[in-house]
Amino acid sequence: MYEFKINNIHPNAHKYEFIVAFMCDGEVWYWGAYRYAWDAEAGAKECGGFVVHNVRISGYQEDA
């Protein structure tokens, strides 16, 4: 398993199942957070990035 820091991540991104990020100058940057995989895939395509799957969430989940 790999760990990496996502720069400029939105404070509520952890509530979503899918996070889109992209590489720039050797660093990972936040693009968006999505409830659905197809929306995340579209976001990744738009920014030339990739999808990170938050396996702890299904879709969207408010903080307990």
PDB file of N, CA and C in Angstrom:
ATOM      1  N   MET A   1       0.843  -1.167   0.000  1.00  0.00           N
ATOM      2  CA  MET A   1       0.000   0.000   0.000  1.00  0.00           C
ATOM      3  C   MET A   1       0.896   1.240   0.000  1.00  0.00           C
ATOM      4  N   TYR A   2       0.442   2.265  -0.723  1.00  0.00           N
ATOM      5  CA  TYR A   2       1.194   3.501  -0.816  1.00  0.00           C
ATOM      6  C   TYR A   2       0.495   4.607  -0.048  1.00  0.00           C
ATOM      7  N   GLU A   3       1.277   5.511   0.487  1.00  0.00           N
ATOM      8  CA  GLU A   3       0.737   6.699   1.136  1.00  0.00           C
ATOM      9  C   GLU A   3       1.328   7.913   0.443  1.00  0.00           C
ATOM     10  N   PHE A   4       0.492   8.923   0.266  1.00  0.00           N
ATOM     11  CA  PHE A   4       0.974  10.164  -0.320  1.00  0.00           C
ATOM     12  C   PHE A   4       0.096  11.304   0.166  1.00  0.00           C
ATOM     13  N   LYS A   5       0.642  12.477   0.154  1.00  0.00           N
ATOM     14  CA  LYS A   5      -0.077  13.665   0.585  1.00  0.00           C
ATOM     15  C   LYS A   5      -0.770  14.278  -0.620  1.00  0.00           C
ATOM     16  N   ILE A   6      -2.033  14.640  -0.459  1.00  0.00           N
ATOM     17  CA  ILE A   6      -2.767  15.352  -1.498  1.00  0.00           C
ATOM     18  C   ILE A   6      -2.825  16.817  -1.074  1.00  0.00           C
ATOM     19  N   ASN A   7      -2.142  17.671  -1.812  1.00  0.00           N
ATOM     20  CA  ASN A   7      -2.100  19.094  -1.508  1.00  0.00           C
ATOM     21  C   ASN A   7      -3.437  19.770  -1.792  1.00  0.00           C
ATOM     22  N   ASN A   8      -3.756  20.758  -0.984  1.00  0.00           N
ATOM     23  CA  ASN A   8      -4.926  21.622  -1.183  1.00  0.00           C
ATOM     24  C   ASN A   8      -6.252  20.856  -1.139  1.00  0.00           C
ATOM     25  N   ILE A   9      -6.300  19.766  -0.400  1.00  0.00           N
ATOM     26  CA  ILE A   9      -7.515  18.957  -0.347  1.00  0.00           C
ATOM     27  C   ILE A   9      -8.618  19.711   0.414  1.00  0.00           C
ATOM     28  N   HIS A  10      -9.819  19.614  -0.077  1.00  0.00           N
ATOM     29  CA  HIS A  10     -10.965  20.281   0.547  1.00  0.00           C
ATOM     30  C   HIS A  10     -11.250  19.637   1.901  1.00  0.00           C
ATOM     31  N   PRO A  11     -11.613  20.414   2.909  1.00  0.00           N
ATOM     32  CA  PRO A  11     -11.864  19.855   4.248  1.00  0.00           C
ATOM     33  C   PRO A  11     -12.972  18.792   4.283  1.00  0.00           C
ATOM     34  N   ASN A  12     -13.904  18.816   3.353  1.00  0.00           N
ATOM     35  CA  ASN A  12     -14.984  17.830   3.330  1.00  0.00           C
ATOM     36  C   ASN A  12     -14.743  16.666   2.376  1.00  0.00           C
ATOM     37  N   ALA A  13     -13.604  16.603   1.738  1.00  0.00           N
ATOM     38  CA  ALA A  13     -13.339  15.547   0.753  1.00  0.00           C
ATOM     39  C   ALA A  13     -13.400  14.155   1.364  1.00  0.00           C
ATOM     40  N   HIS A  14     -13.065  14.026   2.630  1.00  0.00           N
ATOM     41  CA  HIS A  14     -13.075  12.708   3.286  1.00  0.00           C
ATOM     42  C   HIS A  14     -14.482  12.123   3.400  1.00  0.00           C
ATOM     43  N   LYS A  15     -15.510  12.905   3.121  1.00  0.00           N
ATOM     44  CA  LYS A  15     -16.893  12.438   3.195  1.00  0.00           C
ATOM     45  C   LYS A  15     -17.332  11.702   1.926  1.00  0.00           C
ATOM     46  N   TYR A  16     -16.503  11.746   0.888  1.00  0.00           N
ATOM     47  CA  TYR A  16     -16.861  11.171  -0.412  1.00  0.00           C
ATOM     48  C   TYR A  16     -16.072   9.906  -0.695  1.00  0.00           C
ATOM     49  N   GLU A  17     -16.676   9.034  -1.473  1.00  0.00           N
ATOM     50  CA  GLU A  17     -16.041   7.758  -1.800  1.00  0.00           C
ATOM     51  C   GLU A  17     -14.886   7.914  -2.784  1.00  0.00           C
ATOM     52  N   PHE A  18     -14.967   8.905  -3.666  1.00  0.00           N
ATOM     53  CA  PHE A  18     -13.949   9.055  -4.708  1.00  0.00           C
ATOM     54  C   PHE A  18     -13.344  10.455  -4.680  1.00  0.00           C
ATOM     55  N   ILE A  19     -12.023  10.508  -4.709  1.00  0.00           N
ATOM     56  CA  ILE A  19     -11.293  11.772  -4.753  1.00  0.00           C
ATOM     57  C   ILE A  19     -10.462  11.778  -6.024  1.00  0.00           C
ATOM     58  N   VAL A  20     -10.491  12.899  -6.728  1.00  0.00           N
ATOM     59  CA  VAL A  20      -9.698  13.042  -7.945  1.00  0.00           C
ATOM     60  C   VAL A  20      -8.524  13.966  -7.650  1.00  0.00           C
ATOM     61  N   ALA A  21      -7.363  13.540  -8.096  1.00  0.00           N
ATOM     62  CA  ALA A  21      -6.143  14.303  -7.903  1.00  0.00           C
ATOM     63  C   ALA A  21      -5.304  14.218  -9.172  1.00  0.00           C
ATOM     64  N   PHE A  22      -4.311  15.092  -9.272  1.00  0.00           N
ATOM     65  CA  PHE A  22      -3.411  15.074 -10.427  1.00  0.00           C
ATOM     66  C   PHE A  22      -1.998  15.378  -9.961  1.00  0.00           C
ATOM     67  N   MET A  23      -1.035  14.985 -10.774  1.00  0.00           N
ATOM     68  CA  MET A  23       0.379  15.231 -10.476  1.00  0.00           C
ATOM     69  C   MET A  23       0.833  16.528 -11.143  1.00  0.00           C
ATOM     70  N   CYS A  24       1.622  17.302 -10.401  1.00  0.00           N
ATOM     71  CA  CYS A  24       2.229  18.517 -10.946  1.00  0.00           C
ATOM     72  C   CYS A  24       3.563  18.726 -10.247  1.00  0.00           C
ATOM     73  N   ASP A  25       4.618  18.756 -11.028  1.00  0.00           N
ATOM     74  CA  ASP A  25       5.973  18.959 -10.488  1.00  0.00           C
ATOM     75  C   ASP A  25       6.303  17.983  -9.357  1.00  0.00           C
ATOM     76  N   GLY A  26       5.882  16.732  -9.526  1.00  0.00           N
ATOM     77  CA  GLY A  26       6.202  15.690  -8.564  1.00  0.00           C
ATOM     78  C   GLY A  26       5.346  15.684  -7.310  1.00  0.00           C
ATOM     79  N   GLU A  27       4.306  16.500  -7.274  1.00  0.00           N
ATOM     80  CA  GLU A  27       3.406  16.540  -6.125  1.00  0.00           C
ATOM     81  C   GLU A  27       1.990  16.203  -6.568  1.00  0.00           C
ATOM     82  N   VAL A  28       1.181  15.716  -5.631  1.00  0.00           N
ATOM     83  CA  VAL A  28      -0.206  15.352  -5.897  1.00  0.00           C
ATOM     84  C   VAL A  28      -1.104  16.494  -5.428  1.00  0.00           C
ATOM     85  N   TRP A  29      -2.011  16.922  -6.312  1.00  0.00           N
ATOM     86  CA  TRP A  29      -2.907  18.042  -6.022  1.00  0.00           C
ATOM     87  C   TRP A  29      -4.362  17.624  -6.154  1.00  0.00           C
ATOM     88  N   TYR A  30      -5.183  18.151  -5.277  1.00  0.00           N
ATOM     89  CA  TYR A  30      -6.619  17.878  -5.239  1.00  0.00           C
ATOM     90  C   TYR A  30      -7.335  18.533  -6.413  1.00  0.00           C
ATOM     91  N   TRP A  31      -8.292  17.780  -7.000  1.00  0.00           N
ATOM     92  CA  TRP A  31      -9.133  18.313  -8.070  1.00  0.00           C
ATOM     93  C   TRP A  31     -10.606  18.342  -7.648  1.00  0.00           C
ATOM     94  N   GLY A  32     -11.088  17.245  -7.024  1.00  0.00           N
ATOM     95  CA  GLY A  32     -12.484  17.202  -6.618  1.00  0.00           C
ATOM     96  C   GLY A  32     -12.810  15.929  -5.872  1.00  0.00           C
ATOM     97  N   ALA A  33     -14.005  15.908  -5.268  1.00  0.00           N
ATOM     98  CA  ALA A  33     -14.482  14.735  -4.544  1.00  0.00           C
ATOM     99  C   ALA A  33     -15.871  14.391  -5.069  1.00  0.00           C
ATOM    100  N   TYR A  34     -16.125  13.096  -5.233  1.00  0.00           N
ATOM    101  CA  TYR A  34     -17.342  12.659  -5.911  1.00  0.00           C
ATOM    102  C   TYR A  34     -17.991  11.486  -5.193  1.00  0.00           C
ATOM    103  N   ARG A  35     -19.298  11.425  -5.291  1.00  0.00           N
ATOM    104  CA  ARG A  35     -20.087  10.332  -4.726  1.00  0.00           C
ATOM    105  C   ARG A  35     -20.077   9.125  -5.665  1.00  0.00           C
ATOM    106  N   TYR A  36     -20.038   9.367  -6.963  1.00  0.00           N
ATOM    107  CA  TYR A  36     -20.168   8.301  -7.959  1.00  0.00           C
ATOM    108  C   TYR A  36     -18.897   8.150  -8.788  1.00  0.00           C
ATOM    109  N   ALA A  37     -18.562   6.885  -9.089  1.00  0.00           N
ATOM    110  CA  ALA A  37     -17.340   6.583  -9.828  1.00  0.00           C
ATOM    111  C   ALA A  37     -17.327   7.228 -11.206  1.00  0.00           C
ATOM    112  N   TRP A  38     -18.482   7.229 -11.906  1.00  0.00           N
ATOM    113  CA  TRP A  38     -18.496   7.784 -13.266  1.00  0.00           C
ATOM    114  C   TRP A  38     -18.223   9.286 -13.257  1.00  0.00           C
ATOM    115  N   ASP A  39     -18.670   9.994 -12.222  1.00  0.00           N
ATOM    116  CA  ASP A  39     -18.360  11.420 -12.113  1.00  0.00           C
ATOM    117  C   ASP A  39     -16.873  11.633 -11.816  1.00  0.00           C
ATOM    118  N   ALA A  40     -16.333  10.790 -10.955  1.00  0.00           N
ATOM    119  CA  ALA A  40     -14.907  10.873 -10.639  1.00  0.00           C
ATOM    120  C   ALA A  40     -14.058  10.583 -11.876  1.00  0.00           C
ATOM    121  N   GLU A  41     -14.450   9.590 -12.644  1.00  0.00           N
ATOM    122  CA  GLU A  41     -13.709   9.268 -13.866  1.00  0.00           C
ATOM    123  C   GLU A  41     -13.736  10.432 -14.851  1.00  0.00           C
ATOM    124  N   ALA A  42     -14.878  11.100 -14.965  1.00  0.00           N
ATOM    125  CA  ALA A  42     -14.981  12.265 -15.848  1.00  0.00           C
ATOM    126  C   ALA A  42     -14.081  13.394 -15.347  1.00  0.00           C
ATOM    127  N   GLY A  43     -14.049  13.606 -14.035  1.00  0.00           N
ATOM    128  CA  GLY A  43     -13.173  14.620 -13.456  1.00  0.00           C
ATOM    129  C   GLY A  43     -11.710  14.312 -13.699  1.00  0.00           C
ATOM    130  N   ALA A  44     -11.339  13.049 -13.543  1.00  0.00           N
ATOM    131  CA  ALA A  44      -9.955  12.639 -13.773  1.00  0.00           C
ATOM    132  C   ALA A  44      -9.562  12.841 -15.231  1.00  0.00           C
ATOM    133  N   LYS A  45     -10.479  12.547 -16.126  1.00  0.00           N
ATOM    134  CA  LYS A  45     -10.205  12.742 -17.548  1.00  0.00           C
ATOM    135  C   LYS A  45     -10.025  14.230 -17.860  1.00  0.00           C
ATOM    136  N   GLU A  46     -10.864  15.061 -17.247  1.00  0.00           N
ATOM    137  CA  GLU A  46     -10.805  16.503 -17.485  1.00  0.00           C
ATOM    138  C   GLU A  46      -9.469  17.114 -17.037  1.00  0.00           C
ATOM    139  N   CYS A  47      -8.966  16.661 -15.888  1.00  0.00           N
ATOM    140  CA  CYS A  47      -7.736  17.262 -15.360  1.00  0.00           C
ATOM    141  C   CYS A  47      -6.485  16.455 -15.694  1.00  0.00           C
ATOM    142  N   GLY A  48      -6.654  15.307 -16.354  1.00  0.00           N
ATOM    143  CA  GLY A  48      -5.499  14.469 -16.654  1.00  0.00           C
ATOM    144  C   GLY A  48      -4.950  13.796 -15.398  1.00  0.00           C
ATOM    145  N   GLY A  49      -5.846  13.524 -14.452  1.00  0.00           N
ATOM    146  CA  GLY A  49      -5.430  12.972 -13.172  1.00  0.00           C
ATOM    147  C   GLY A  49      -5.870  11.543 -12.966  1.00  0.00           C
ATOM    148  N   PHE A  50      -6.122  11.195 -11.725  1.00  0.00           N
ATOM    149  CA  PHE A  50      -6.477   9.828 -11.358  1.00  0.00           C
ATOM    150  C   PHE A  50      -7.471   9.849 -10.211  1.00  0.00           C
ATOM    151  N   VAL A  51      -8.114   8.698 -10.004  1.00  0.00           N
ATOM    152  CA  VAL A  51      -9.128   8.561  -8.966  1.00  0.00           C
ATOM    153  C   VAL A  51      -8.539   7.798  -7.781  1.00  0.00           C
ATOM    154  N   VAL A  52      -8.755   8.337  -6.589  1.00  0.00           N
ATOM    155  CA  VAL A  52      -8.389   7.660  -5.348  1.00  0.00           C
ATOM    156  C   VAL A  52      -9.691   7.164  -4.726  1.00  0.00           C
ATOM    157  N   HIS A  53      -9.770   5.870  -4.445  1.00  0.00           N
ATOM    158  CA  HIS A  53     -10.979   5.276  -3.899  1.00  0.00           C
ATOM    159  C   HIS A  53     -10.878   5.216  -2.378  1.00  0.00           C
ATOM    160  N   ASN A  54     -11.772   5.912  -1.707  1.00  0.00           N
ATOM    161  CA  ASN A  54     -11.860   5.879  -0.253  1.00  0.00           C
ATOM    162  C   ASN A  54     -12.753   4.696   0.120  1.00  0.00           C
ATOM    163  N   VAL A  55     -12.157   3.581   0.433  1.00  0.00           N
ATOM    164  CA  VAL A  55     -12.920   2.351   0.666  1.00  0.00           C
ATOM    165  C   VAL A  55     -13.724   2.381   1.970  1.00  0.00           C
ATOM    166  N   ARG A  56     -13.518   3.375   2.793  1.00  0.00           N
ATOM    167  CA  ARG A  56     -14.256   3.483   4.057  1.00  0.00           C
ATOM    168  C   ARG A  56     -15.631   4.116   3.884  1.00  0.00           C
ATOM    169  N   ILE A  57     -15.895   4.666   2.710  1.00  0.00           N
ATOM    170  CA  ILE A  57     -17.139   5.382   2.452  1.00  0.00           C
ATOM    171  C   ILE A  57     -17.852   4.729   1.276  1.00  0.00           C
ATOM    172  N   SER A  58     -19.179   4.697   1.304  1.00  0.00           N
ATOM    173  CA  SER A  58     -19.967   4.270   0.162  1.00  0.00           C
ATOM    174  C   SER A  58     -20.783   5.474  -0.295  1.00  0.00           C
ATOM    175  N   GLY A  59     -20.341   6.104  -1.367  1.00  0.00           N
ATOM    176  CA  GLY A  59     -21.020   7.280  -1.897  1.00  0.00           C
ATOM    177  C   GLY A  59     -20.649   8.525  -1.135  1.00  0.00           C
ATOM    178  N   TYR A  60     -21.460   8.865  -0.154  1.00  0.00           N
ATOM    179  CA  TYR A  60     -21.243  10.072   0.660  1.00  0.00           C
ATOM    180  C   TYR A  60     -21.684   9.761   2.066  1.00  0.00           C
ATOM    181  N   GLN A  61     -20.942  10.246   3.035  1.00  0.00           N
ATOM    182  CA  GLN A  61     -21.299   9.993   4.419  1.00  0.00           C
ATOM    183  C   GLN A  61     -20.958  11.215   5.273  1.00  0.00           C
ATOM    184  N   GLU A  62     -21.973  11.752   5.939  1.00  0.00           N
ATOM    185  CA  GLU A  62     -21.753  12.848   6.883  1.00  0.00           C
ATOM    186  C   GLU A  62     -20.936  12.317   8.071  1.00  0.00           C
ATOM    187  N   ASP A  63     -20.239  13.217   8.731  1.00  0.00           N
ATOM    188  CA  ASP A  63     -19.508  12.829   9.939  1.00  0.00           C
ATOM    189  C   ASP A  63     -20.474  12.350  11.008  1.00  0.00           C
ATOM    190  N   ALA A  64     -20.067  11.348  11.723  1.00  0.00           N
ATOM    191  CA  ALA A  64     -20.924  10.786  12.783  1.00  0.00           C
ATOM    192  C   ALA A  64     -20.927  11.683  14.005  1.00  0.00           C
TER     193      ALA A  64
END
